[in-house]
Amino acid sequence: MTDAQVLHAYAARAAEYTSVLGAIEDMHEHDLRRIERWAGEIRGPVIDAGCGPGHWTDYLHKRGVDIAGVDVVPEFIEIARLRFPEVLFRVSSVRALDVADGGLSGVLAWYSLIHLVPAELPHILSELARVLRPQGRLLIGFFEGVSAEPFDHAITKAYYCSLDQMSRLLQDAGFEVLDVETRHDAGRRPHAAIAAIRR
């Protein structure tokens, strides 16, 4: 989907999304441990790419991470700034991040790539590689399934991706996959996470 389509869909329901999924207390304990463990290995600037209402950005900021949140949806950035005024947030798209080449030590992309048309993933992952220094770290969360299969997400259309496919795309974009995790909670879509390092 285009940025404009995603922006329109989330802008219309930004407050609703924040009330349902915008608090750390509502996040899965496994995800809390996973993201905190990943961030603990990073020294230097990090972005939360597709930060939404900013709860993950704030969570890591409170743990001493030098982090900023970016999102294509201005309504999310406004909400995040109001909720967490001590954290830096700005409007930006993962398609063209306003970050210098090699300017970051880490990128968190936690379920922020799920609305991308699958054919766009190689470009987006290359953009994430561009902004990371060598040995910079990336953590991606997504819904595991048949690659490129769409599903009706609560906000707007999203896509599954298989672990194998995402791993191959990351390798093609200049990453080395460090580890993968999956989680299947009853009544929910399968979750997956991949940690990778910039070659």
C-alpha atoms as a PDB file:
ATOM      1  CA  MET A   1       0.000   0.000   0.000  1.00  0.00           C
ATOM      2  CA  THR A   2       1.127   3.571  -0.552  1.00  0.00           C
ATOM      3  CA  ASP A   3       2.048   5.889   2.302  1.00  0.00           C
ATOM      4  CA  ALA A   4      -1.058   7.933   1.502  1.00  0.00           C
ATOM      5  CA  GLN A   5      -3.347   4.909   1.877  1.00  0.00           C
ATOM      6  CA  VAL A   6      -1.792   3.841   5.165  1.00  0.00           C
ATOM      7  CA  LEU A   7      -1.750   7.424   6.426  1.00  0.00           C
ATOM      8  CA  HIS A   8      -5.431   7.913   5.648  1.00  0.00           C
ATOM      9  CA  ALA A   9      -6.467   4.617   7.253  1.00  0.00           C
ATOM     10  CA  TYR A  10      -4.527   5.159  10.479  1.00  0.00           C
ATOM     11  CA  ALA A  11      -5.168   8.892  10.732  1.00  0.00           C
ATOM     12  CA  ALA A  12      -8.899   8.264  10.849  1.00  0.00           C
ATOM     13  CA  ARG A  13      -8.494   5.841  13.758  1.00  0.00           C
ATOM     14  CA  ALA A  14      -5.351   7.031  15.514  1.00  0.00           C
ATOM     15  CA  ALA A  15      -7.107   7.782  18.809  1.00  0.00           C
ATOM     16  CA  GLU A  16      -8.950   4.453  18.744  1.00  0.00           C
ATOM     17  CA  TYR A  17      -5.741   2.549  17.961  1.00  0.00           C
ATOM     18  CA  THR A  18      -3.942   4.318  20.809  1.00  0.00           C
ATOM     19  CA  SER A  19      -6.665   3.424  23.309  1.00  0.00           C
ATOM     20  CA  VAL A  20      -6.567  -0.268  22.351  1.00  0.00           C
ATOM     21  CA  LEU A  21      -2.922  -0.930  21.483  1.00  0.00           C
ATOM     22  CA  GLY A  22      -1.013   2.135  22.605  1.00  0.00           C
ATOM     23  CA  ALA A  23       0.109   1.106  26.093  1.00  0.00           C
ATOM     24  CA  ILE A  24       3.059  -1.032  27.117  1.00  0.00           C
ATOM     25  CA  GLU A  25       0.820  -2.695  29.687  1.00  0.00           C
ATOM     26  CA  ASP A  26      -1.183  -4.184  26.808  1.00  0.00           C
ATOM     27  CA  MET A  27       1.876  -5.670  25.093  1.00  0.00           C
ATOM     28  CA  HIS A  28       2.813  -9.337  25.346  1.00  0.00           C
ATOM     29  CA  GLU A  29       5.375 -10.048  28.048  1.00  0.00           C
ATOM     30  CA  HIS A  30       7.441 -12.052  25.562  1.00  0.00           C
ATOM     31  CA  ASP A  31       7.678  -8.990  23.277  1.00  0.00           C
ATOM     32  CA  LEU A  32       8.749  -6.792  26.174  1.00  0.00           C
ATOM     33  CA  ARG A  33      11.609  -9.131  27.014  1.00  0.00           C
ATOM     34  CA  ARG A  34      12.552  -9.595  23.343  1.00  0.00           C
ATOM     35  CA  ILE A  35      12.750  -5.889  22.540  1.00  0.00           C
ATOM     36  CA  GLU A  36      14.496  -4.947  25.769  1.00  0.00           C
ATOM     37  CA  ARG A  37      17.095  -7.699  25.261  1.00  0.00           C
ATOM     38  CA  TRP A  38      17.707  -6.535  21.683  1.00  0.00           C
ATOM     39  CA  ALA A  39      18.085  -2.895  22.690  1.00  0.00           C
ATOM     40  CA  GLY A  40      20.461  -3.803  25.497  1.00  0.00           C
ATOM     41  CA  GLU A  41      23.048  -4.851  22.906  1.00  0.00           C
ATOM     42  CA  ILE A  42      23.062  -1.463  21.137  1.00  0.00           C
ATOM     43  CA  ARG A  43      25.271   1.549  21.822  1.00  0.00           C
ATOM     44  CA  GLY A  44      24.354   4.615  19.792  1.00  0.00           C
ATOM     45  CA  PRO A  45      21.304   6.178  18.152  1.00  0.00           C
ATOM     46  CA  VAL A  46      18.237   4.088  17.358  1.00  0.00           C
ATOM     47  CA  ILE A  47      14.957   4.797  15.586  1.00  0.00           C
ATOM     48  CA  ASP A  48      11.604   3.176  16.178  1.00  0.00           C
ATOM     49  CA  ALA A  49      10.470   3.043  12.540  1.00  0.00           C
ATOM     50  CA  GLY A  50       6.680   3.203  12.387  1.00  0.00           C
ATOM     51  CA  CYS A  51       6.394   4.120  16.051  1.00  0.00           C
ATOM     52  CA  GLY A  52       2.630   4.694  16.051  1.00  0.00           C
ATOM     53  CA  PRO A  53       1.551   6.340  19.315  1.00  0.00           C
ATOM     54  CA  GLY A  54       5.068   6.009  20.718  1.00  0.00           C
ATOM     55  CA  HIS A  55       4.763   3.446  23.511  1.00  0.00           C
ATOM     56  CA  TRP A  56       7.712   1.293  22.409  1.00  0.00           C
ATOM     57  CA  THR A  57       9.855   4.374  21.822  1.00  0.00           C
ATOM     58  CA  ASP A  58       9.126   5.610  25.330  1.00  0.00           C
ATOM     59  CA  TYR A  59       9.696   2.145  26.808  1.00  0.00           C
ATOM     60  CA  LEU A  60      13.225   2.028  25.401  1.00  0.00           C
ATOM     61  CA  HIS A  61      13.908   5.695  26.142  1.00  0.00           C
ATOM     62  CA  LYS A  62      13.186   5.021  29.820  1.00  0.00           C
ATOM     63  CA  ARG A  63      15.774   2.243  29.681  1.00  0.00           C
ATOM     64  CA  GLY A  64      18.493   4.584  28.531  1.00  0.00           C
ATOM     65  CA  VAL A  65      18.330   3.984  24.783  1.00  0.00           C
ATOM     66  CA  ASP A  66      19.167   6.972  22.569  1.00  0.00           C
ATOM     67  CA  ILE A  67      15.995   6.593  20.509  1.00  0.00           C
ATOM     68  CA  ALA A  68      13.642   8.641  18.348  1.00  0.00           C
ATOM     69  CA  GLY A  69      10.271   7.583  16.994  1.00  0.00           C
ATOM     70  CA  VAL A  70       9.281   8.133  13.362  1.00  0.00           C
ATOM     71  CA  ASP A  71       5.972   7.510  11.664  1.00  0.00           C
ATOM     72  CA  VAL A  72       4.294   8.521   8.414  1.00  0.00           C
ATOM     73  CA  VAL A  73       1.045   9.380  10.244  1.00  0.00           C
ATOM     74  CA  PRO A  74       1.138  12.948  11.672  1.00  0.00           C
ATOM     75  CA  GLU A  75      -1.733  12.146  14.035  1.00  0.00           C
ATOM     76  CA  PHE A  76       0.361   9.428  15.663  1.00  0.00           C
ATOM     77  CA  ILE A  77       3.320  11.770  16.039  1.00  0.00           C
ATOM     78  CA  GLU A  78       1.103  14.411  17.628  1.00  0.00           C
ATOM     79  CA  ILE A  79      -0.308  11.859  20.067  1.00  0.00           C
ATOM     80  CA  ALA A  80       3.157  10.512  20.876  1.00  0.00           C
ATOM     81  CA  ARG A  81       4.562  13.985  21.557  1.00  0.00           C
ATOM     82  CA  LEU A  82       1.694  14.756  23.921  1.00  0.00           C
ATOM     83  CA  ARG A  83       2.024  11.477  25.779  1.00  0.00           C
ATOM     84  CA  PHE A  84       5.819  11.387  25.959  1.00  0.00           C
ATOM     85  CA  PRO A  85       7.117  14.976  25.712  1.00  0.00           C
ATOM     86  CA  GLU A  86      10.633  13.987  26.794  1.00  0.00           C
ATOM     87  CA  VAL A  87      11.064  11.711  23.736  1.00  0.00           C
ATOM     88  CA  LEU A  88      11.900  12.848  20.204  1.00  0.00           C
ATOM     89  CA  PHE A  89       9.278  12.049  17.536  1.00  0.00           C
ATOM     90  CA  ARG A  90       9.068  13.164  13.911  1.00  0.00           C
ATOM     91  CA  VAL A  91       7.098  12.464  10.763  1.00  0.00           C
ATOM     92  CA  SER A  92       9.037  10.305   8.316  1.00  0.00           C
ATOM     93  CA  SER A  93       8.473   7.365   5.973  1.00  0.00           C
ATOM     94  CA  VAL A  94      10.402   4.104   5.968  1.00  0.00           C
ATOM     95  CA  ARG A  95      10.562   4.508   2.200  1.00  0.00           C
ATOM     96  CA  ALA A  96      12.970   7.435   2.586  1.00  0.00           C
ATOM     97  CA  LEU A  97      14.202   8.031   6.115  1.00  0.00           C
ATOM     98  CA  ASP A  98      15.664  11.441   6.862  1.00  0.00           C
ATOM     99  CA  VAL A  99      18.816   9.870   8.291  1.00  0.00           C
ATOM    100  CA  ALA A 100      22.366  10.018   6.939  1.00  0.00           C
ATOM    101  CA  ASP A 101      23.985   6.893   5.535  1.00  0.00           C
ATOM    102  CA  GLY A 102      25.280   4.815   8.428  1.00  0.00           C
ATOM    103  CA  GLY A 103      23.845   7.248  10.948  1.00  0.00           C
ATOM    104  CA  LEU A 104      22.207   4.709  13.252  1.00  0.00           C
ATOM    105  CA  SER A 105      23.212   1.873  15.524  1.00  0.00           C
ATOM    106  CA  GLY A 106      19.778   0.270  15.574  1.00  0.00           C
ATOM    107  CA  VAL A 107      16.365   0.193  13.911  1.00  0.00           C
ATOM    108  CA  LEU A 108      13.239  -1.261  15.478  1.00  0.00           C
ATOM    109  CA  ALA A 109      10.575  -2.100  12.878  1.00  0.00           C
ATOM    110  CA  TRP A 110       7.949  -3.713  15.073  1.00  0.00           C
ATOM    111  CA  TYR A 111       4.963  -4.632  12.880  1.00  0.00           C
ATOM    112  CA  SER A 112       5.527  -1.442  10.901  1.00  0.00           C
ATOM    113  CA  LEU A 113       6.170  -3.161   7.555  1.00  0.00           C
ATOM    114  CA  ILE A 114       3.064  -5.346   7.452  1.00  0.00           C
ATOM    115  CA  HIS A 115       1.053  -3.006   5.214  1.00  0.00           C
ATOM    116  CA  LEU A 116       3.708  -2.778   2.515  1.00  0.00           C
ATOM    117  CA  VAL A 117       2.966  -4.472  -0.768  1.00  0.00           C
ATOM    118  CA  PRO A 118       5.378  -7.448  -0.658  1.00  0.00           C
ATOM    119  CA  ALA A 119       7.184  -6.303  -3.809  1.00  0.00           C
ATOM    120  CA  GLU A 120       8.249  -3.176  -1.888  1.00  0.00           C
ATOM    121  CA  LEU A 121      10.058  -5.045   0.867  1.00  0.00           C
ATOM    122  CA  PRO A 122      13.443  -5.292  -0.898  1.00  0.00           C
ATOM    123  CA  HIS A 123      13.569  -1.506  -1.319  1.00  0.00           C
ATOM    124  CA  ILE A 124      12.452  -0.841   2.256  1.00  0.00           C
ATOM    125  CA  LEU A 125      14.948  -3.283   3.765  1.00  0.00           C
ATOM    126  CA  SER A 126      17.696  -1.709   1.668  1.00  0.00           C
ATOM    127  CA  GLU A 127      16.676   1.677   3.061  1.00  0.00           C
ATOM    128  CA  LEU A 128      16.942   0.317   6.612  1.00  0.00           C
ATOM    129  CA  ALA A 129      20.364  -1.080   5.750  1.00  0.00           C
ATOM    130  CA  ARG A 130      21.417   2.304   4.350  1.00  0.00           C
ATOM    131  CA  VAL A 131      20.811   4.142   7.604  1.00  0.00           C
ATOM    132  CA  LEU A 132      22.575   1.550   9.755  1.00  0.00           C
ATOM    133  CA  ARG A 133      26.305   1.593  10.366  1.00  0.00           C
ATOM    134  CA  PRO A 134      28.212  -1.659   9.783  1.00  0.00           C
ATOM    135  CA  GLN A 135      27.300  -4.045  12.605  1.00  0.00           C
ATOM    136  CA  GLY A 136      24.179  -1.957  13.294  1.00  0.00           C
ATOM    137  CA  ARG A 137      21.235  -3.987  14.530  1.00  0.00           C
ATOM    138  CA  LEU A 138      17.725  -4.429  13.172  1.00  0.00           C
ATOM    139  CA  LEU A 139      14.726  -6.055  14.835  1.00  0.00           C
ATOM    140  CA  ILE A 140      11.618  -6.757  12.760  1.00  0.00           C
ATOM    141  CA  GLY A 141       8.271  -8.024  14.031  1.00  0.00           C
ATOM    142  CA  PHE A 142       5.654  -9.311  11.589  1.00  0.00           C
ATOM    143  CA  PHE A 143       2.853 -11.813  11.054  1.00  0.00           C
ATOM    144  CA  GLU A 144       4.143 -15.177   9.940  1.00  0.00           C
ATOM    145  CA  GLY A 145       2.372 -17.023   7.143  1.00  0.00           C
ATOM    146  CA  VAL A 146       2.365 -17.654   3.436  1.00  0.00           C
ATOM    147  CA  SER A 147       4.476 -14.887   1.934  1.00  0.00           C
ATOM    148  CA  ALA A 148       2.506 -12.097   0.225  1.00  0.00           C
ATOM    149  CA  GLU A 149      -0.848 -13.499   1.351  1.00  0.00           C
ATOM    150  CA  PRO A 150      -3.079 -10.558   2.325  1.00  0.00           C
ATOM    151  CA  PHE A 151      -5.413 -10.482   5.288  1.00  0.00           C
ATOM    152  CA  ASP A 152      -7.979  -8.072   6.689  1.00  0.00           C
ATOM    153  CA  HIS A 153      -6.112  -6.175   9.390  1.00  0.00           C
ATOM    154  CA  ALA A 154      -8.297  -4.148  11.775  1.00  0.00           C
ATOM    155  CA  ILE A 155      -7.109  -0.877  10.215  1.00  0.00           C
ATOM    156  CA  THR A 156      -6.256  -1.663   6.600  1.00  0.00           C
ATOM    157  CA  LYS A 157      -5.022  -4.527   4.439  1.00  0.00           C
ATOM    158  CA  ALA A 158      -1.843  -6.226   5.589  1.00  0.00           C
ATOM    159  CA  TYR A 159       0.323  -9.119   4.445  1.00  0.00           C
ATOM    160  CA  TYR A 160       1.856 -12.231   5.911  1.00  0.00           C
ATOM    161  CA  CYS A 161       5.501 -13.132   5.334  1.00  0.00           C
ATOM    162  CA  SER A 162       7.265 -16.419   5.978  1.00  0.00           C
ATOM    163  CA  LEU A 163      10.393 -16.616   8.102  1.00  0.00           C
ATOM    164  CA  ASP A 164      12.324 -18.040   5.170  1.00  0.00           C
ATOM    165  CA  GLN A 165      11.255 -15.269   2.813  1.00  0.00           C
ATOM    166  CA  MET A 166      11.980 -12.458   5.268  1.00  0.00           C
ATOM    167  CA  SER A 167      15.354 -13.997   6.072  1.00  0.00           C
ATOM    168  CA  ARG A 168      16.261 -14.171   2.377  1.00  0.00           C
ATOM    169  CA  LEU A 169      15.171 -10.591   1.796  1.00  0.00           C
ATOM    170  CA  LEU A 170      17.261  -9.411   4.726  1.00  0.00           C
ATOM    171  CA  GLN A 171      20.314 -11.240   3.444  1.00  0.00           C
ATOM    172  CA  ASP A 172      19.816  -9.752  -0.021  1.00  0.00           C
ATOM    173  CA  ALA A 173      19.596  -6.271   1.534  1.00  0.00           C
ATOM    174  CA  GLY A 174      22.954  -6.619   3.281  1.00  0.00           C
ATOM    175  CA  PHE A 175      22.017  -8.139   6.632  1.00  0.00           C
ATOM    176  CA  GLU A 176      23.126 -11.241   8.479  1.00  0.00           C
ATOM    177  CA  VAL A 177      20.271 -12.915  10.353  1.00  0.00           C
ATOM    178  CA  LEU A 178      21.191 -13.483  13.994  1.00  0.00           C
ATOM    179  CA  ASP A 179      18.120 -15.232  15.317  1.00  0.00           C
ATOM    180  CA  VAL A 180      14.437 -15.826  14.675  1.00  0.00           C
ATOM    181  CA  GLU A 181      11.520 -16.345  17.015  1.00  0.00           C
ATOM    182  CA  THR A 182       7.898 -17.334  16.539  1.00  0.00           C
ATOM    183  CA  ARG A 183       4.877 -17.252  18.806  1.00  0.00           C
ATOM    184  CA  HIS A 184       1.463 -18.816  18.243  1.00  0.00           C
ATOM    185  CA  ASP A 185      -1.125 -17.541  20.716  1.00  0.00           C
ATOM    186  CA  ALA A 186      -4.532 -19.162  20.679  1.00  0.00           C
ATOM    187  CA  GLY A 187      -7.039 -17.203  18.614  1.00  0.00           C
ATOM    188  CA  ARG A 188      -4.404 -14.851  17.172  1.00  0.00           C
ATOM    189  CA  ARG A 189      -2.318 -14.696  14.037  1.00  0.00           C
ATOM    190  CA  PRO A 190       1.164 -16.247  14.269  1.00  0.00           C
ATOM    191  CA  HIS A 191       3.844 -13.754  15.253  1.00  0.00           C
ATOM    192  CA  ALA A 192       7.477 -13.734  14.189  1.00  0.00           C
ATOM    193  CA  ALA A 193      10.557 -11.700  14.965  1.00  0.00           C
ATOM    194  CA  ILE A 194      13.954 -11.592  13.293  1.00  0.00           C
ATOM    195  CA  ALA A 195      17.066  -9.915  14.659  1.00  0.00           C
ATOM    196  CA  ALA A 196      19.725  -9.090  12.089  1.00  0.00           C
ATOM    197  CA  ILE A 197      23.008  -7.230  11.866  1.00  0.00           C
ATOM    198  CA  ARG A 198      24.194  -4.955   9.050  1.00  0.00           C
ATOM    199  CA  ARG A 199      27.090  -6.563   7.215  1.00  0.00           C
END
